[in-house]
N, C-alpha and C. Protein backbone atom coordinates (compact mmCIF):
# COMPACT_ATOMS: atom_id res chain seq x y z
N MET A 1 17.24 9.62 -0.69
CA MET A 1 16.10 8.81 -0.29
C MET A 1 16.32 7.35 -0.67
N VAL A 2 16.82 7.08 -1.89
CA VAL A 2 17.04 5.71 -2.33
C VAL A 2 18.08 5.04 -1.45
N ALA A 3 19.15 5.76 -1.12
CA ALA A 3 20.19 5.18 -0.26
C ALA A 3 19.63 4.84 1.11
N LEU A 4 18.78 5.70 1.64
CA LEU A 4 18.16 5.46 2.94
C LEU A 4 17.27 4.22 2.88
N MET A 5 16.50 4.08 1.80
CA MET A 5 15.64 2.91 1.65
C MET A 5 16.46 1.64 1.52
N LEU A 6 17.51 1.68 0.71
CA LEU A 6 18.34 0.49 0.53
C LEU A 6 18.99 0.08 1.85
N GLU A 7 19.42 1.05 2.62
CA GLU A 7 19.99 0.75 3.94
C GLU A 7 18.93 0.15 4.85
N ALA A 8 17.71 0.65 4.80
CA ALA A 8 16.63 0.18 5.67
C ALA A 8 16.23 -1.26 5.37
N VAL A 9 16.40 -1.69 4.12
CA VAL A 9 15.97 -3.05 3.75
C VAL A 9 17.12 -4.04 3.67
N ALA A 10 18.31 -3.60 4.00
CA ALA A 10 19.49 -4.46 3.86
C ALA A 10 19.38 -5.75 4.68
N ASP A 11 18.67 -5.70 5.80
CA ASP A 11 18.56 -6.89 6.64
C ASP A 11 17.40 -7.81 6.24
N LEU A 12 16.64 -7.43 5.24
CA LEU A 12 15.53 -8.26 4.77
C LEU A 12 16.02 -9.33 3.81
N PRO A 13 15.30 -10.44 3.72
CA PRO A 13 15.65 -11.43 2.70
C PRO A 13 15.56 -10.80 1.31
N PRO A 14 16.45 -11.18 0.40
CA PRO A 14 16.46 -10.56 -0.94
C PRO A 14 15.11 -10.56 -1.64
N GLN A 15 14.33 -11.62 -1.50
CA GLN A 15 13.04 -11.70 -2.19
C GLN A 15 12.02 -10.68 -1.64
N MET A 16 12.26 -10.14 -0.45
CA MET A 16 11.34 -9.14 0.13
C MET A 16 11.74 -7.71 -0.18
N ARG A 17 12.97 -7.48 -0.56
CA ARG A 17 13.46 -6.11 -0.74
C ARG A 17 12.67 -5.35 -1.79
N GLU A 18 12.43 -5.98 -2.94
CA GLU A 18 11.68 -5.30 -4.00
C GLU A 18 10.28 -4.94 -3.51
N ARG A 19 9.63 -5.87 -2.83
CA ARG A 19 8.27 -5.62 -2.33
C ARG A 19 8.25 -4.41 -1.40
N VAL A 20 9.21 -4.34 -0.49
CA VAL A 20 9.22 -3.27 0.51
C VAL A 20 9.58 -1.93 -0.13
N VAL A 21 10.65 -1.90 -0.91
CA VAL A 21 11.07 -0.64 -1.53
C VAL A 21 9.98 -0.13 -2.47
N CYS A 22 9.43 -1.00 -3.30
CA CYS A 22 8.40 -0.59 -4.25
C CYS A 22 7.13 -0.16 -3.54
N SER A 23 6.76 -0.85 -2.47
CA SER A 23 5.55 -0.48 -1.72
C SER A 23 5.69 0.90 -1.09
N ILE A 24 6.84 1.16 -0.48
CA ILE A 24 7.05 2.46 0.16
C ILE A 24 7.02 3.58 -0.88
N ALA A 25 7.71 3.38 -1.99
CA ALA A 25 7.75 4.40 -3.05
C ALA A 25 6.35 4.63 -3.64
N ALA A 26 5.61 3.56 -3.88
CA ALA A 26 4.26 3.69 -4.45
C ALA A 26 3.31 4.36 -3.46
N ALA A 27 3.43 4.02 -2.18
CA ALA A 27 2.58 4.64 -1.16
C ALA A 27 2.84 6.15 -1.11
N ALA A 28 4.10 6.54 -1.19
CA ALA A 28 4.44 7.97 -1.18
C ALA A 28 3.86 8.65 -2.42
N LYS A 29 4.01 8.02 -3.56
CA LYS A 29 3.51 8.61 -4.81
C LYS A 29 2.00 8.82 -4.79
N TYR A 30 1.27 7.85 -4.25
CA TYR A 30 -0.20 7.92 -4.26
C TYR A 30 -0.78 8.40 -2.93
N GLU A 31 0.08 8.85 -2.05
CA GLU A 31 -0.32 9.47 -0.78
C GLU A 31 -1.26 8.58 0.03
N ILE A 32 -0.83 7.34 0.21
CA ILE A 32 -1.54 6.42 1.08
C ILE A 32 -0.57 5.92 2.14
N PRO A 33 -1.05 5.42 3.24
CA PRO A 33 -0.12 4.94 4.28
C PRO A 33 0.75 3.79 3.78
N ALA A 34 2.05 3.93 3.97
CA ALA A 34 2.98 2.89 3.51
C ALA A 34 2.73 1.57 4.23
N ASN A 35 2.41 1.63 5.52
CA ASN A 35 2.17 0.39 6.24
C ASN A 35 0.95 -0.34 5.71
N LEU A 36 -0.01 0.39 5.18
CA LEU A 36 -1.21 -0.23 4.60
C LEU A 36 -0.86 -0.97 3.32
N LEU A 37 -0.11 -0.33 2.43
CA LEU A 37 0.27 -1.00 1.18
C LEU A 37 1.19 -2.18 1.47
N LEU A 38 2.09 -2.04 2.43
CA LEU A 38 2.95 -3.16 2.81
C LEU A 38 2.12 -4.33 3.35
N ALA A 39 1.09 -4.02 4.11
CA ALA A 39 0.23 -5.07 4.65
C ALA A 39 -0.51 -5.80 3.54
N VAL A 40 -1.03 -5.06 2.58
CA VAL A 40 -1.73 -5.68 1.45
C VAL A 40 -0.75 -6.51 0.63
N ALA A 41 0.44 -5.99 0.39
CA ALA A 41 1.44 -6.73 -0.38
C ALA A 41 1.81 -8.03 0.33
N GLU A 42 1.96 -7.97 1.64
CA GLU A 42 2.28 -9.18 2.39
C GLU A 42 1.12 -10.17 2.35
N GLN A 43 -0.09 -9.66 2.51
CA GLN A 43 -1.26 -10.55 2.50
C GLN A 43 -1.43 -11.20 1.13
N GLU A 44 -1.26 -10.44 0.08
CA GLU A 44 -1.43 -10.99 -1.27
C GLU A 44 -0.31 -11.99 -1.57
N ASN A 45 0.91 -11.64 -1.16
CA ASN A 45 2.06 -12.54 -1.25
C ASN A 45 2.28 -13.14 -2.64
N GLY A 46 1.99 -12.35 -3.67
CA GLY A 46 2.22 -12.82 -5.02
C GLY A 46 3.67 -12.69 -5.42
N LYS A 47 3.98 -13.25 -6.55
CA LYS A 47 5.34 -13.19 -7.09
C LYS A 47 5.26 -12.64 -8.51
N PRO A 48 6.31 -11.97 -8.97
CA PRO A 48 6.33 -11.54 -10.37
C PRO A 48 6.12 -12.74 -11.29
N GLY A 49 5.28 -12.55 -12.29
CA GLY A 49 5.02 -13.61 -13.27
C GLY A 49 4.01 -14.65 -12.81
N GLN A 50 3.54 -14.56 -11.59
CA GLN A 50 2.63 -15.56 -11.04
C GLN A 50 1.19 -15.36 -11.53
N TRP A 51 0.56 -16.45 -11.90
CA TRP A 51 -0.85 -16.48 -12.28
C TRP A 51 -1.50 -17.58 -11.45
N VAL A 52 -2.50 -17.23 -10.65
CA VAL A 52 -3.16 -18.20 -9.78
C VAL A 52 -4.62 -18.31 -10.22
N ARG A 53 -5.00 -19.53 -10.66
CA ARG A 53 -6.38 -19.78 -11.07
C ARG A 53 -7.13 -20.37 -9.88
N HIS A 54 -8.30 -19.80 -9.59
CA HIS A 54 -9.14 -20.26 -8.49
C HIS A 54 -10.24 -21.17 -9.02
N ALA A 55 -10.85 -21.92 -8.11
CA ALA A 55 -11.91 -22.87 -8.47
C ALA A 55 -13.09 -22.16 -9.15
N ASN A 56 -13.33 -20.89 -8.81
CA ASN A 56 -14.46 -20.15 -9.40
C ASN A 56 -14.13 -19.59 -10.79
N GLY A 57 -12.94 -19.87 -11.29
CA GLY A 57 -12.55 -19.42 -12.62
C GLY A 57 -11.79 -18.10 -12.64
N ALA A 58 -11.78 -17.39 -11.53
CA ALA A 58 -11.05 -16.13 -11.46
C ALA A 58 -9.54 -16.42 -11.45
N VAL A 59 -8.79 -15.44 -11.92
CA VAL A 59 -7.34 -15.54 -11.95
C VAL A 59 -6.77 -14.33 -11.24
N ASP A 60 -5.79 -14.57 -10.37
CA ASP A 60 -5.06 -13.49 -9.71
C ASP A 60 -3.66 -13.45 -10.32
N VAL A 61 -3.19 -12.22 -10.59
CA VAL A 61 -1.96 -12.05 -11.37
C VAL A 61 -0.94 -11.18 -10.63
N GLY A 62 0.31 -11.63 -10.68
CA GLY A 62 1.45 -10.82 -10.26
C GLY A 62 1.66 -10.69 -8.78
N PRO A 63 2.61 -9.84 -8.41
CA PRO A 63 2.98 -9.70 -7.01
C PRO A 63 1.85 -9.17 -6.13
N MET A 64 0.95 -8.39 -6.71
CA MET A 64 -0.15 -7.83 -5.93
C MET A 64 -1.48 -8.53 -6.21
N GLN A 65 -1.41 -9.65 -6.94
CA GLN A 65 -2.54 -10.55 -7.15
C GLN A 65 -3.82 -9.83 -7.61
N PHE A 66 -3.69 -9.07 -8.70
CA PHE A 66 -4.86 -8.42 -9.29
C PHE A 66 -5.78 -9.48 -9.86
N SER A 67 -7.06 -9.39 -9.53
CA SER A 67 -8.01 -10.39 -10.00
C SER A 67 -8.51 -10.04 -11.41
N THR A 68 -9.15 -11.03 -12.00
CA THR A 68 -9.64 -10.92 -13.37
C THR A 68 -10.47 -9.65 -13.59
N GLY A 69 -11.37 -9.34 -12.67
CA GLY A 69 -12.22 -8.16 -12.82
C GLY A 69 -11.41 -6.88 -12.93
N TYR A 70 -10.39 -6.75 -12.13
CA TYR A 70 -9.55 -5.55 -12.21
C TYR A 70 -8.70 -5.54 -13.47
N LEU A 71 -8.34 -6.70 -13.96
CA LEU A 71 -7.56 -6.75 -15.20
C LEU A 71 -8.38 -6.17 -16.35
N ARG A 72 -9.68 -6.44 -16.36
CA ARG A 72 -10.55 -5.87 -17.41
C ARG A 72 -10.59 -4.35 -17.29
N GLU A 73 -10.69 -3.87 -16.05
CA GLU A 73 -10.72 -2.42 -15.84
C GLU A 73 -9.41 -1.78 -16.28
N LEU A 74 -8.28 -2.40 -15.94
CA LEU A 74 -6.98 -1.86 -16.32
C LEU A 74 -6.77 -1.87 -17.82
N ALA A 75 -7.35 -2.83 -18.51
CA ALA A 75 -7.23 -2.92 -19.97
C ALA A 75 -7.76 -1.65 -20.64
N ARG A 76 -8.74 -1.00 -20.03
CA ARG A 76 -9.28 0.25 -20.60
C ARG A 76 -8.21 1.34 -20.65
N TYR A 77 -7.18 1.22 -19.83
CA TYR A 77 -6.09 2.19 -19.80
C TYR A 77 -4.86 1.69 -20.55
N GLY A 78 -5.01 0.58 -21.25
CA GLY A 78 -3.89 0.02 -22.00
C GLY A 78 -2.92 -0.79 -21.16
N ILE A 79 -3.33 -1.13 -19.95
CA ILE A 79 -2.48 -1.91 -19.04
C ILE A 79 -2.81 -3.39 -19.23
N THR A 80 -1.80 -4.17 -19.54
CA THR A 80 -2.00 -5.58 -19.86
C THR A 80 -1.78 -6.46 -18.62
N PRO A 81 -2.27 -7.70 -18.66
CA PRO A 81 -1.96 -8.63 -17.57
C PRO A 81 -0.45 -8.83 -17.39
N GLU A 82 0.29 -8.76 -18.48
CA GLU A 82 1.74 -8.90 -18.39
C GLU A 82 2.36 -7.74 -17.61
N ASP A 83 1.80 -6.52 -17.77
CA ASP A 83 2.25 -5.37 -17.00
C ASP A 83 2.02 -5.60 -15.51
N VAL A 84 0.87 -6.16 -15.18
CA VAL A 84 0.49 -6.41 -13.79
C VAL A 84 1.36 -7.52 -13.19
N ALA A 85 1.76 -8.46 -14.02
CA ALA A 85 2.56 -9.60 -13.54
C ALA A 85 4.06 -9.30 -13.49
N ALA A 86 4.47 -8.17 -14.02
CA ALA A 86 5.89 -7.87 -14.21
C ALA A 86 6.67 -7.74 -12.90
N ARG A 87 7.97 -7.93 -13.03
CA ARG A 87 8.91 -7.65 -11.94
C ARG A 87 9.08 -6.13 -11.89
N GLY A 88 9.47 -5.62 -10.76
CA GLY A 88 9.69 -4.18 -10.61
C GLY A 88 8.56 -3.50 -9.86
N CYS A 89 8.59 -2.19 -9.86
CA CYS A 89 7.67 -1.42 -9.02
C CYS A 89 6.31 -1.13 -9.65
N TYR A 90 6.18 -1.33 -10.95
CA TYR A 90 4.91 -0.96 -11.59
C TYR A 90 3.69 -1.65 -10.98
N PRO A 91 3.72 -2.95 -10.69
CA PRO A 91 2.55 -3.57 -10.07
C PRO A 91 2.19 -2.96 -8.71
N TYR A 92 3.17 -2.52 -7.98
CA TYR A 92 2.93 -1.89 -6.67
C TYR A 92 2.31 -0.51 -6.85
N GLN A 93 2.72 0.19 -7.91
CA GLN A 93 2.11 1.48 -8.20
C GLN A 93 0.64 1.30 -8.58
N LEU A 94 0.36 0.27 -9.39
CA LEU A 94 -1.03 -0.02 -9.74
C LEU A 94 -1.85 -0.33 -8.48
N ALA A 95 -1.29 -1.11 -7.58
CA ALA A 95 -1.99 -1.46 -6.34
C ALA A 95 -2.21 -0.23 -5.47
N ALA A 96 -1.22 0.65 -5.39
CA ALA A 96 -1.36 1.88 -4.60
C ALA A 96 -2.45 2.77 -5.20
N TRP A 97 -2.47 2.87 -6.52
CA TRP A 97 -3.52 3.64 -7.21
C TRP A 97 -4.89 3.06 -6.88
N ARG A 98 -4.99 1.74 -6.95
CA ARG A 98 -6.26 1.08 -6.67
C ARG A 98 -6.68 1.28 -5.21
N LEU A 99 -5.75 1.14 -4.27
CA LEU A 99 -6.08 1.39 -2.86
C LEU A 99 -6.50 2.84 -2.64
N ARG A 100 -5.82 3.76 -3.29
CA ARG A 100 -6.20 5.17 -3.15
C ARG A 100 -7.63 5.39 -3.64
N MET A 101 -8.00 4.74 -4.73
CA MET A 101 -9.36 4.88 -5.24
C MET A 101 -10.38 4.30 -4.26
N HIS A 102 -10.06 3.17 -3.66
CA HIS A 102 -10.95 2.60 -2.64
C HIS A 102 -11.07 3.56 -1.45
N ILE A 103 -9.95 4.08 -0.98
CA ILE A 103 -9.95 4.98 0.18
C ILE A 103 -10.74 6.24 -0.14
N LYS A 104 -10.57 6.75 -1.33
CA LYS A 104 -11.20 8.01 -1.73
C LYS A 104 -12.69 7.84 -2.03
N ASN A 105 -13.08 6.73 -2.66
CA ASN A 105 -14.43 6.62 -3.20
C ASN A 105 -15.38 5.67 -2.48
N ASP A 106 -14.87 4.73 -1.72
CA ASP A 106 -15.73 3.73 -1.10
C ASP A 106 -16.27 4.23 0.24
N ARG A 107 -17.27 3.52 0.73
CA ARG A 107 -17.86 3.85 2.03
C ARG A 107 -17.24 2.99 3.11
N GLY A 108 -17.30 3.50 4.35
CA GLY A 108 -16.81 2.75 5.49
C GLY A 108 -15.55 3.37 6.05
N ASP A 109 -15.01 2.69 7.06
CA ASP A 109 -13.77 3.17 7.66
C ASP A 109 -12.58 2.79 6.76
N LEU A 110 -11.42 3.29 7.11
CA LEU A 110 -10.22 3.06 6.30
C LEU A 110 -9.98 1.58 6.05
N TRP A 111 -10.14 0.74 7.08
CA TRP A 111 -9.83 -0.68 6.96
C TRP A 111 -10.81 -1.39 6.06
N THR A 112 -12.08 -1.03 6.14
CA THR A 112 -13.09 -1.63 5.26
C THR A 112 -12.80 -1.24 3.81
N LYS A 113 -12.49 0.03 3.59
CA LYS A 113 -12.18 0.51 2.24
C LYS A 113 -10.95 -0.22 1.68
N ALA A 114 -9.92 -0.34 2.52
CA ALA A 114 -8.70 -1.02 2.08
C ALA A 114 -8.97 -2.50 1.80
N ALA A 115 -9.81 -3.13 2.60
CA ALA A 115 -10.13 -4.54 2.40
C ALA A 115 -10.97 -4.76 1.15
N ASN A 116 -11.56 -3.71 0.62
CA ASN A 116 -12.26 -3.81 -0.66
C ASN A 116 -11.29 -4.19 -1.78
N TYR A 117 -10.01 -4.00 -1.56
CA TYR A 117 -8.98 -4.46 -2.50
C TYR A 117 -9.19 -5.94 -2.78
N HIS A 118 -9.57 -6.67 -1.75
CA HIS A 118 -9.79 -8.12 -1.86
C HIS A 118 -11.24 -8.44 -2.24
N SER A 119 -12.18 -7.86 -1.50
CA SER A 119 -13.59 -8.17 -1.74
C SER A 119 -14.49 -7.16 -1.05
N ARG A 120 -15.58 -6.82 -1.73
CA ARG A 120 -16.62 -5.99 -1.12
C ARG A 120 -17.67 -6.85 -0.41
N THR A 121 -17.61 -8.15 -0.59
CA THR A 121 -18.55 -9.04 0.09
C THR A 121 -18.23 -8.98 1.58
N PRO A 122 -19.22 -8.61 2.42
CA PRO A 122 -18.94 -8.36 3.84
C PRO A 122 -18.15 -9.45 4.56
N LYS A 123 -18.50 -10.72 4.40
CA LYS A 123 -17.79 -11.75 5.16
C LYS A 123 -16.34 -11.90 4.70
N PHE A 124 -16.07 -11.77 3.40
CA PHE A 124 -14.69 -11.86 2.91
C PHE A 124 -13.91 -10.59 3.26
N ASN A 125 -14.59 -9.44 3.20
CA ASN A 125 -13.97 -8.17 3.55
C ASN A 125 -13.54 -8.20 5.02
N ARG A 126 -14.40 -8.71 5.89
CA ARG A 126 -14.12 -8.75 7.33
C ARG A 126 -12.87 -9.60 7.63
N VAL A 127 -12.77 -10.75 7.01
CA VAL A 127 -11.61 -11.62 7.23
C VAL A 127 -10.34 -10.94 6.72
N TYR A 128 -10.39 -10.39 5.51
CA TYR A 128 -9.23 -9.72 4.93
C TYR A 128 -8.83 -8.51 5.77
N ARG A 129 -9.84 -7.76 6.22
CA ARG A 129 -9.60 -6.59 7.06
C ARG A 129 -8.82 -6.98 8.32
N GLY A 130 -9.19 -8.08 8.94
CA GLY A 130 -8.45 -8.55 10.11
C GLY A 130 -7.00 -8.85 9.79
N HIS A 131 -6.77 -9.51 8.67
CA HIS A 131 -5.40 -9.84 8.26
C HIS A 131 -4.56 -8.58 8.02
N ILE A 132 -5.10 -7.66 7.24
CA ILE A 132 -4.29 -6.48 6.90
C ILE A 132 -4.14 -5.53 8.08
N THR A 133 -5.10 -5.51 8.99
CA THR A 133 -4.97 -4.65 10.17
C THR A 133 -3.79 -5.10 11.02
N ARG A 134 -3.71 -6.39 11.28
CA ARG A 134 -2.59 -6.93 12.07
C ARG A 134 -1.25 -6.69 11.36
N LYS A 135 -1.23 -6.94 10.06
CA LYS A 135 0.01 -6.75 9.31
C LYS A 135 0.41 -5.27 9.26
N ALA A 136 -0.57 -4.39 9.11
CA ALA A 136 -0.28 -2.95 9.05
C ALA A 136 0.32 -2.45 10.36
N LEU A 137 -0.14 -2.96 11.48
CA LEU A 137 0.44 -2.57 12.77
C LEU A 137 1.90 -3.00 12.85
N LYS A 138 2.17 -4.21 12.41
CA LYS A 138 3.55 -4.72 12.39
C LYS A 138 4.43 -3.85 11.49
N TRP A 139 3.91 -3.52 10.29
CA TRP A 139 4.68 -2.70 9.35
C TRP A 139 4.86 -1.27 9.86
N ALA A 140 3.88 -0.74 10.58
CA ALA A 140 4.03 0.61 11.16
C ALA A 140 5.20 0.63 12.13
N ASP A 141 5.32 -0.41 12.96
CA ASP A 141 6.46 -0.51 13.88
C ASP A 141 7.77 -0.61 13.11
N TRP A 142 7.78 -1.43 12.08
CA TRP A 142 8.99 -1.62 11.26
C TRP A 142 9.41 -0.29 10.64
N LEU A 143 8.46 0.43 10.07
CA LEU A 143 8.76 1.72 9.43
C LEU A 143 9.26 2.74 10.46
N GLU A 144 8.63 2.77 11.61
CA GLU A 144 9.01 3.72 12.66
C GLU A 144 10.46 3.51 13.09
N LYS A 145 10.89 2.27 13.18
CA LYS A 145 12.26 1.97 13.59
C LYS A 145 13.28 2.35 12.53
N ARG A 146 12.91 2.25 11.28
CA ARG A 146 13.87 2.49 10.19
C ARG A 146 13.78 3.87 9.56
N PHE A 147 12.65 4.52 9.70
CA PHE A 147 12.44 5.84 9.11
C PHE A 147 11.88 6.79 10.17
N PRO A 148 12.69 7.16 11.15
CA PRO A 148 12.16 8.04 12.20
C PRO A 148 11.73 9.38 11.60
N THR A 149 10.66 9.91 12.13
CA THR A 149 10.16 11.19 11.65
C THR A 149 10.17 12.20 12.79
N VAL A 150 10.25 13.44 12.41
CA VAL A 150 10.24 14.53 13.38
C VAL A 150 9.07 15.43 13.02
N ASP A 151 8.24 15.73 13.99
CA ASP A 151 7.10 16.60 13.77
C ASP A 151 7.56 18.04 13.92
N VAL A 152 7.59 18.75 12.80
CA VAL A 152 8.01 20.15 12.82
C VAL A 152 6.82 21.09 12.77
N THR A 153 5.63 20.55 12.65
CA THR A 153 4.44 21.37 12.49
C THR A 153 4.23 22.38 13.61
N PRO A 154 4.27 21.97 14.89
CA PRO A 154 3.99 22.95 15.95
C PRO A 154 4.92 24.16 15.91
N LYS A 155 6.19 23.92 15.63
CA LYS A 155 7.16 25.01 15.62
C LYS A 155 6.89 26.01 14.50
N TYR A 156 6.46 25.54 13.33
CA TYR A 156 6.33 26.41 12.16
C TYR A 156 4.89 26.67 11.75
N SER A 157 3.93 26.17 12.49
CA SER A 157 2.55 26.35 12.06
C SER A 157 2.10 27.79 12.29
N PRO A 158 1.16 28.28 11.49
CA PRO A 158 0.65 29.64 11.69
C PRO A 158 0.06 29.84 13.08
N MET A 159 -0.55 28.80 13.64
CA MET A 159 -1.13 28.93 14.97
C MET A 159 -0.05 29.12 16.03
N ALA A 160 1.09 28.48 15.88
CA ALA A 160 2.18 28.67 16.83
C ALA A 160 2.68 30.12 16.77
N TRP A 161 2.73 30.67 15.58
CA TRP A 161 3.18 32.06 15.42
C TRP A 161 2.19 33.00 16.07
N VAL A 162 0.89 32.76 15.87
CA VAL A 162 -0.15 33.62 16.46
C VAL A 162 -0.06 33.58 17.97
N LYS A 163 0.12 32.39 18.54
CA LYS A 163 0.22 32.27 20.00
C LYS A 163 1.43 33.01 20.53
N SER A 164 2.57 32.84 19.87
CA SER A 164 3.79 33.49 20.38
C SER A 164 3.71 34.99 20.17
N ASP A 165 3.06 35.45 19.09
CA ASP A 165 2.91 36.87 18.83
C ASP A 165 1.98 37.52 19.86
N SER A 166 0.86 36.84 20.18
CA SER A 166 -0.09 37.43 21.11
C SER A 166 0.45 37.41 22.54
N SER A 167 1.31 36.46 22.87
CA SER A 167 1.86 36.41 24.23
C SER A 167 2.91 37.50 24.43
N ALA A 168 3.44 38.06 23.35
CA ALA A 168 4.45 39.10 23.47
C ALA A 168 3.81 40.46 23.80
N ARG A 169 2.50 40.57 23.66
CA ARG A 169 1.84 41.86 23.86
C ARG A 169 1.67 42.20 25.29
């Protein structure tokens, strides 16, 4: 799997490889769509070690730009701002966990829930939702070209067996 991923990202600029490999691995681990996490990562566009202070006093940290409010929540689990800002896949795993919680627990359609990563305020959520929807479509195409999948379900599903068994009678 690692060799396949490294081959798939070989044509990407070096600064994007970590983002893509870590996003795909984290999405698989937390069972969320990889194109969704890739879209959020692209939209956030943070860098390891980056701290961005906003006019309202909030701070966004690391490659996945975790805001101050989430940093307080993560602190309850012993996760520090330095962990969130770190290089490597850990910040992407934290983001995938957070997206999974939004998808699992929040109200609305998938895109509204995912946009809660940025804001639950309707007007900010709507703008973010538009950005990540477009990016997710682009990433879905990218993933499809590099990681072709084969649907084996119909051949091996219990329903296929029942149909073929009943037609033999």
